[in-house]
Protein backbone atom coordinates (compact mmCIF):
# COMPACT_ATOMS: atom_id res chain seq x y z
CA MET A 1 -31.16 -35.00 30.65
CA THR A 2 -28.81 -32.93 28.44
CA VAL A 3 -27.94 -34.32 25.09
CA LEU A 4 -24.74 -33.29 23.84
CA THR A 5 -24.45 -33.08 20.04
CA SER A 6 -20.97 -32.96 18.67
CA GLN A 7 -20.18 -30.80 15.59
CA ASP A 8 -17.41 -31.73 13.15
CA THR A 9 -15.09 -28.93 13.21
CA SER A 10 -12.56 -30.50 11.00
CA PRO A 11 -11.89 -28.77 7.58
CA SER A 12 -13.55 -30.64 4.79
CA PRO A 13 -11.61 -31.97 2.05
CA ALA A 14 -11.25 -29.73 -0.80
CA GLY A 15 -13.67 -31.14 -3.44
CA PRO A 16 -13.26 -30.58 -7.18
CA SER A 17 -15.89 -28.01 -7.23
CA GLY A 18 -13.49 -25.10 -6.34
CA SER A 19 -10.96 -25.99 -9.25
CA ALA A 20 -13.80 -26.54 -11.55
CA GLY A 21 -15.16 -23.14 -10.81
CA ASP A 22 -11.80 -21.62 -11.20
CA GLY A 23 -11.49 -23.44 -14.67
CA ALA A 24 -14.96 -22.34 -15.76
CA GLY A 25 -14.02 -18.84 -14.99
CA GLY A 26 -10.89 -19.25 -16.86
CA ARG A 27 -12.61 -20.86 -19.84
CA ASN A 28 -15.35 -17.94 -19.90
CA GLY A 29 -12.45 -15.16 -19.75
CA ALA A 30 -10.61 -17.11 -22.45
CA GLY A 31 -13.85 -17.06 -24.44
CA THR A 32 -14.76 -13.37 -23.99
CA GLY A 33 -11.20 -12.44 -25.02
CA ALA A 34 -11.41 -14.47 -28.22
CA ARG A 35 -14.80 -13.04 -28.98
CA ARG A 36 -13.39 -9.52 -28.41
CA LEU A 37 -10.41 -10.31 -30.80
CA ARG A 38 -12.86 -11.52 -33.33
CA ARG A 39 -15.04 -8.40 -33.13
CA ILE A 40 -11.92 -6.29 -33.48
CA GLY A 41 -10.58 -8.35 -36.34
CA PHE A 42 -13.93 -7.98 -38.14
CA SER A 43 -14.14 -4.23 -37.69
CA ALA A 44 -10.75 -3.78 -38.94
CA LEU A 45 -11.48 -5.87 -42.02
CA MET A 46 -14.87 -3.75 -42.69
CA VAL A 47 -12.76 -0.59 -42.06
CA SER A 48 -9.57 -1.44 -43.95
CA PRO A 49 -11.07 -0.82 -47.73
CA PRO A 50 -12.04 2.80 -47.23
CA VAL A 51 -8.85 3.42 -45.23
CA LEU A 52 -6.53 1.95 -48.02
CA VAL A 53 -8.67 3.81 -50.75
CA VAL A 54 -7.91 7.12 -48.85
CA LEU A 55 -4.28 6.12 -48.05
CA VAL A 56 -3.39 5.24 -51.71
CA PHE A 57 -5.53 7.98 -53.54
CA VAL A 58 -5.18 10.84 -51.05
CA GLY A 59 -2.48 10.22 -48.39
CA ILE A 60 0.34 9.08 -50.71
CA PRO A 61 -0.01 11.93 -53.22
CA VAL A 62 -0.43 14.48 -50.67
CA VAL A 63 3.02 13.19 -49.01
CA THR A 64 4.74 13.08 -52.35
CA GLY A 65 3.46 16.45 -53.45
CA ILE A 66 4.48 18.15 -50.25
CA ALA A 67 7.95 16.37 -50.62
CA TYR A 68 8.20 17.89 -54.04
CA ALA A 69 7.50 21.11 -52.89
CA LEU A 70 10.20 20.73 -50.28
CA GLY A 71 12.88 19.77 -53.04
CA TYR A 72 12.74 16.13 -53.00
CA THR A 73 12.59 15.56 -56.84
CA GLY A 74 13.51 11.91 -56.93
CA GLY A 75 11.43 8.65 -56.64
CA PRO A 76 7.79 9.33 -57.51
CA ASN A 77 8.53 12.85 -58.48
CA GLU A 78 11.30 11.96 -61.01
CA MET A 79 9.09 12.04 -64.08
CA ALA A 80 7.63 15.55 -63.12
CA THR A 81 11.15 16.70 -62.62
CA MET A 82 12.17 15.52 -66.18
CA LEU A 83 9.20 17.34 -67.77
CA SER A 84 9.85 20.52 -65.74
CA ASN A 85 11.44 23.58 -67.18
CA SER A 86 12.91 24.92 -63.71
CA VAL A 87 13.42 22.65 -60.70
CA LEU A 88 14.85 23.60 -57.26
CA ARG A 89 16.42 20.65 -55.40
CA ASN A 90 17.32 20.16 -51.83
CA ASN A 91 20.78 19.30 -50.64
CA GLY A 92 19.60 16.40 -48.24
CA ALA A 93 17.29 18.42 -46.13
CA PRO A 94 13.89 20.10 -46.89
CA THR A 95 14.10 23.47 -48.70
CA LEU A 96 11.61 26.47 -48.66
CA ASP A 97 13.25 28.05 -51.77
CA VAL A 98 10.20 27.01 -53.94
CA PHE A 99 7.91 28.75 -51.61
CA ALA A 100 10.37 31.78 -51.51
CA LYS A 101 10.36 31.68 -55.35
CA ILE A 102 6.44 31.74 -55.48
CA PHE A 103 5.90 34.51 -52.93
CA ASP A 104 8.48 36.67 -54.76
CA ASP A 105 6.08 36.44 -57.83
CA PRO A 106 3.89 39.23 -58.05
CA LEU A 107 1.34 37.55 -60.18
CA PHE A 108 1.06 34.81 -57.47
CA LEU A 109 0.66 37.41 -54.69
CA LYS A 110 -2.23 39.07 -56.61
CA GLY A 111 -3.82 35.62 -56.94
CA PHE A 112 -3.21 34.90 -53.65
CA TRP A 113 -5.14 37.91 -52.13
CA ILE A 114 -7.66 37.58 -54.81
CA THR A 115 -8.40 34.12 -53.55
CA ILE A 116 -8.46 35.29 -49.94
CA THR A 117 -10.76 38.13 -50.74
CA VAL A 118 -13.21 35.92 -52.83
CA THR A 119 -13.18 33.51 -50.06
CA VAL A 120 -13.96 35.73 -47.23
CA VAL A 121 -16.61 37.87 -49.07
CA THR A 122 -18.41 34.56 -50.37
CA VAL A 123 -18.39 32.95 -46.91
CA VAL A 124 -19.82 36.13 -45.29
CA VAL A 125 -22.48 36.75 -48.12
CA VAL A 126 -23.72 33.13 -48.29
CA THR A 127 -24.05 32.86 -44.40
CA VAL A 128 -26.03 35.92 -44.26
CA LEU A 129 -28.17 34.87 -47.04
CA ALA A 130 -28.94 31.45 -45.86
CA TRP A 131 -29.67 32.92 -42.23
CA GLY A 132 -32.04 35.37 -43.83
CA ILE A 133 -33.74 32.78 -45.77
CA ALA A 134 -33.94 30.11 -42.90
CA LEU A 135 -35.23 32.75 -40.62
CA TYR A 136 -38.03 33.80 -43.10
CA ALA A 137 -39.02 30.18 -43.48
CA ARG A 138 -39.12 29.52 -39.84
CA LEU A 139 -40.78 32.41 -38.49
CA SER A 140 -43.14 33.07 -41.38
CA GLY A 141 -44.22 29.60 -42.40
CA SER A 142 -46.01 31.02 -45.52
CA ARG A 143 -46.11 29.72 -48.92
CA TRP A 144 -43.85 32.40 -50.23
CA SER A 145 -41.25 31.47 -47.72
CA ARG A 146 -41.25 27.72 -49.06
CA ILE A 147 -41.08 29.10 -52.70
CA LEU A 148 -38.09 31.23 -51.51
CA THR A 149 -36.42 28.18 -50.16
CA GLY A 150 -37.00 25.97 -53.10
CA ILE A 151 -35.52 28.73 -55.49
CA ALA A 152 -32.51 29.22 -53.31
CA VAL A 153 -31.73 25.42 -53.70
CA VAL A 154 -32.19 25.06 -57.33
CA PRO A 155 -28.50 25.68 -58.27
CA MET A 156 -27.82 22.41 -56.36
CA PHE A 157 -29.44 20.61 -59.26
CA ILE A 158 -27.65 22.53 -62.04
CA PRO A 159 -24.10 21.43 -63.10
CA VAL A 160 -21.43 24.16 -62.16
CA VAL A 161 -20.30 24.33 -65.88
CA ILE A 162 -23.70 25.36 -66.97
CA GLY A 163 -24.23 27.71 -64.18
CA ALA A 164 -21.00 29.40 -64.72
CA TYR A 165 -21.46 29.79 -68.40
CA ALA A 166 -24.98 31.31 -67.79
CA ILE A 167 -23.63 33.98 -65.35
CA ARG A 168 -20.77 34.82 -67.54
CA ASN A 169 -23.31 35.54 -70.53
CA PHE A 170 -25.70 37.23 -68.12
CA TYR A 171 -23.23 39.96 -66.89
CA LEU A 172 -21.38 40.51 -69.88
CA GLY A 173 -21.57 44.12 -71.53
CA SER A 174 -23.41 42.55 -74.48
CA GLY A 175 -25.67 40.47 -71.96
CA PHE A 176 -28.90 41.24 -70.15
CA TRP A 177 -26.90 43.00 -67.65
CA GLY A 178 -25.15 45.62 -70.00
CA SER A 179 -28.34 45.84 -72.04
CA VAL A 180 -30.47 46.93 -69.14
CA TRP A 181 -27.95 49.65 -68.09
CA GLN A 182 -27.60 50.84 -71.70
CA LEU A 183 -31.38 51.37 -71.94
CA LEU A 184 -31.23 53.39 -68.82
CA GLY A 185 -28.52 55.34 -70.31
CA VAL A 186 -26.07 54.30 -67.72
CA GLN A 187 -22.46 53.35 -68.45
CA MET A 188 -21.78 50.37 -66.39
CA ASP A 189 -18.94 48.04 -66.36
CA PRO A 190 -19.65 44.24 -67.03
CA LEU A 191 -19.19 42.04 -64.12
CA SER A 192 -18.04 38.97 -66.10
CA TYR A 193 -14.33 38.65 -66.24
CA HIS A 194 -14.10 40.49 -63.01
CA THR A 195 -13.47 39.27 -59.41
CA SER A 196 -17.09 40.58 -58.66
CA GLY A 197 -18.40 38.11 -61.25
CA VAL A 198 -16.49 35.31 -59.70
CA ILE A 199 -17.83 36.21 -56.15
CA ILE A 200 -21.52 36.08 -57.77
CA GLY A 201 -20.80 32.62 -59.17
CA GLN A 202 -19.29 31.32 -55.93
CA ILE A 203 -22.48 32.51 -54.14
CA TRP A 204 -24.58 30.71 -56.68
CA THR A 205 -22.75 27.37 -56.23
CA SER A 206 -22.52 27.55 -52.34
CA LEU A 207 -25.79 28.82 -51.50
CA PRO A 208 -27.91 25.77 -51.77
CA PHE A 209 -25.92 23.83 -49.23
CA ALA A 210 -25.93 26.68 -46.53
CA VAL A 211 -29.53 27.00 -46.95
CA LEU A 212 -30.28 23.51 -46.44
CA LEU A 213 -28.18 23.11 -43.40
CA ILE A 214 -28.91 26.37 -41.52
CA SER A 215 -32.59 25.89 -42.19
CA SER A 216 -32.59 22.40 -40.44
CA GLY A 217 -30.59 23.86 -37.56
CA VAL A 218 -33.07 26.76 -37.10
CA ALA A 219 -35.95 24.47 -37.54
CA ALA A 220 -34.72 22.29 -34.79
CA VAL A 221 -35.02 24.97 -32.08
CA PRO A 222 -38.21 24.59 -30.03
CA ASP A 223 -41.06 26.81 -30.31
CA ALA A 224 -41.43 26.76 -26.53
CA LEU A 225 -37.88 28.54 -26.17
CA ILE A 226 -38.89 31.26 -28.49
CA HIS A 227 -42.38 31.78 -26.70
CA ALA A 228 -40.51 31.69 -23.38
CA ALA A 229 -38.32 34.45 -24.57
CA ARG A 230 -40.98 36.54 -25.84
CA ASP A 231 -43.27 36.10 -22.76
CA ALA A 232 -40.09 37.36 -20.86
CA GLY A 233 -40.42 40.71 -22.80
CA ALA A 234 -37.81 39.86 -25.45
CA SER A 235 -38.45 41.30 -29.06
CA MET A 236 -38.27 39.01 -31.89
CA ALA A 237 -34.97 40.07 -32.84
CA ARG A 238 -33.66 39.53 -29.30
CA ALA A 239 -35.21 36.00 -29.22
CA VAL A 240 -33.48 35.19 -32.59
CA TRP A 241 -30.22 36.48 -31.26
CA SER A 242 -30.36 34.94 -27.73
CA VAL A 243 -32.07 31.72 -28.62
CA MET A 244 -31.93 30.66 -32.09
CA VAL A 245 -28.38 31.70 -33.20
CA PRO A 246 -26.56 30.12 -30.25
CA MET A 247 -28.63 26.85 -30.83
CA ALA A 248 -27.62 26.91 -34.65
CA THR A 249 -23.88 27.75 -34.18
CA VAL A 250 -22.76 24.27 -35.24
CA PRO A 251 -24.56 24.34 -38.52
CA THR A 252 -23.42 27.94 -39.15
CA VAL A 253 -19.76 27.12 -38.62
CA ILE A 254 -20.18 23.91 -40.71
CA VAL A 255 -21.48 25.99 -43.53
CA ALA A 256 -18.88 28.57 -43.18
CA THR A 257 -16.15 25.87 -43.13
CA PHE A 258 -17.40 23.99 -46.20
CA THR A 259 -17.84 27.07 -48.17
CA GLY A 260 -14.54 28.39 -47.47
CA VAL A 261 -12.86 25.21 -48.42
CA GLY A 262 -14.92 24.92 -51.61
CA VAL A 263 -14.15 28.27 -52.66
CA LEU A 264 -10.31 28.03 -52.06
CA GLY A 265 -9.84 25.30 -54.24
CA SER A 266 -12.40 26.16 -56.92
CA PHE A 267 -11.54 25.98 -60.82
CA THR A 268 -14.61 25.90 -62.97
CA VAL A 269 -16.33 29.20 -61.69
CA PRO A 270 -13.19 31.29 -61.65
CA PHE A 271 -11.82 29.85 -64.98
CA MET A 272 -15.25 30.55 -66.83
CA ILE A 273 -16.15 33.93 -65.21
CA GLY A 274 -12.98 35.31 -63.95
CA ALA A 275 -10.30 37.46 -65.61
CA THR A 276 -7.54 35.76 -67.55
CA SER A 277 -4.87 37.36 -65.19
CA PRO A 278 -4.63 37.68 -62.26
CA THR A 279 -7.07 35.12 -61.01
CA MET A 280 -7.64 32.62 -58.14
CA LEU A 281 -4.92 30.02 -57.21
CA GLY A 282 -6.99 27.07 -58.62
CA VAL A 283 -6.78 28.54 -62.10
CA GLN A 284 -3.18 29.92 -61.52
CA MET A 285 -1.81 26.13 -60.54
CA VAL A 286 -3.18 24.70 -63.80
CA THR A 287 -1.70 27.62 -65.71
CA THR A 288 1.58 27.25 -64.12
CA TYR A 289 1.63 23.47 -64.59
CA ASN A 290 0.24 23.42 -68.29
CA ALA A 291 1.32 26.73 -69.90
CA TYR A 292 4.72 27.54 -67.97
CA GLY A 293 5.93 23.79 -67.37
CA LEU A 294 6.64 24.46 -63.74
CA PRO A 295 5.12 21.51 -61.93
CA GLN A 296 7.13 22.33 -58.81
CA ASP A 297 5.81 25.95 -58.58
CA ALA A 298 2.21 24.49 -59.03
CA GLN A 299 2.87 22.05 -56.23
CA ALA A 300 3.95 24.58 -53.83
CA MET A 301 0.89 26.68 -54.61
CA ALA A 302 -1.16 23.55 -53.91
CA VAL A 303 0.57 23.06 -50.59
CA VAL A 304 -0.24 26.81 -49.57
CA LEU A 305 -3.95 26.09 -50.57
CA PHE A 306 -3.83 22.97 -48.52
CA LEU A 307 -2.60 24.81 -45.35
CA MET A 308 -5.09 27.44 -45.76
CA ALA A 309 -7.86 24.88 -46.02
CA ILE A 310 -6.61 23.07 -42.78
CA LEU A 311 -6.87 26.27 -41.11
CA ILE A 312 -10.35 26.73 -42.34
CA GLY A 313 -11.03 23.07 -41.62
CA TRP A 314 -10.20 23.55 -37.92
CA GLY A 315 -13.51 25.12 -37.55
CA TYR A 316 -15.46 22.00 -38.77
CA VAL A 317 -13.59 19.91 -36.18
CA TRP A 318 -14.43 22.29 -33.40
CA ALA A 319 -18.01 22.08 -34.44
CA GLN A 320 -18.18 18.34 -34.55
CA ALA A 321 -16.43 18.38 -31.05
CA ARG A 322 -18.81 20.71 -29.72
CA GLN A 323 -21.69 18.67 -31.04
CA ALA A 324 -20.24 15.68 -29.44
CA ARG A 325 -19.95 17.23 -26.04
CA SER A 326 -23.56 18.32 -26.31
CA SER A 327 -24.84 14.96 -27.21
CA ALA A 328 -22.75 13.56 -24.27
CA VAL A 329 -24.31 15.96 -21.90
CA MET A 330 -27.90 15.46 -23.07
CA ASN A 331 -27.33 11.47 -22.65
């Protein structure tokens, strides 16, 4: 006997479950969006104080200064214009007459090339010395290497004014430098009030940071890589050049960038150790503003230094981008 069971194939009435699910999904989406907006608002609130500080105390002065150098003498630059002995105004469009004026000045050109020379020499010497100290400390590991590293960072804890004053007196003709050469019967020119003395002072102030940063980069190189290179037949010099130098490229670029920017805009060291004229642009700007009463010319010099610092700072941006890419690959 066959029993037939009938199945209800009629569509079931739509219950409230479907609409309730859609409503719950909508509420969850709205809640997620609200939480996301709250997080964004909170993050913006936390970031806004430093952004406002940078905008007010850095951004606005930079913009007004560049505008003043381009001939916009009104508005926030009106007071400086009133106190200036000579002002070049534009005729509604930016003008480069101020820059043409300073580049026609032989004194500015001398200071410009002195600034570039001191910056390049200081960056090269500081980088080489820092690498030498870092390699000695990394490969030796002796007590003398630790002592040398400690001595190299001592200038970090000495105020720049005191260090510059000591360097100036040390290298004077009547100081220790001149006295030693006189005892040896050698006529030697003093290094103070000379470009060479300024370079020594810049190396003094820049070396500690370079030693700390490059030493940390060199110390981060795994011993296994160095041993593998040595086992493959590479000499220690080859292992350093092929393994340690590439892995410490980012700290080296950062050191060169920060040293270059710091030397470009320095004032204390060239003011206390360098010659009265010509001198680096940091000192020349102050002299142009205070002694000659030419704030617009001084501002144009500042813009030139600013552009040079941007070119050097590109190295730091490149180093950070490379470090970020390396971190992304490792993760």
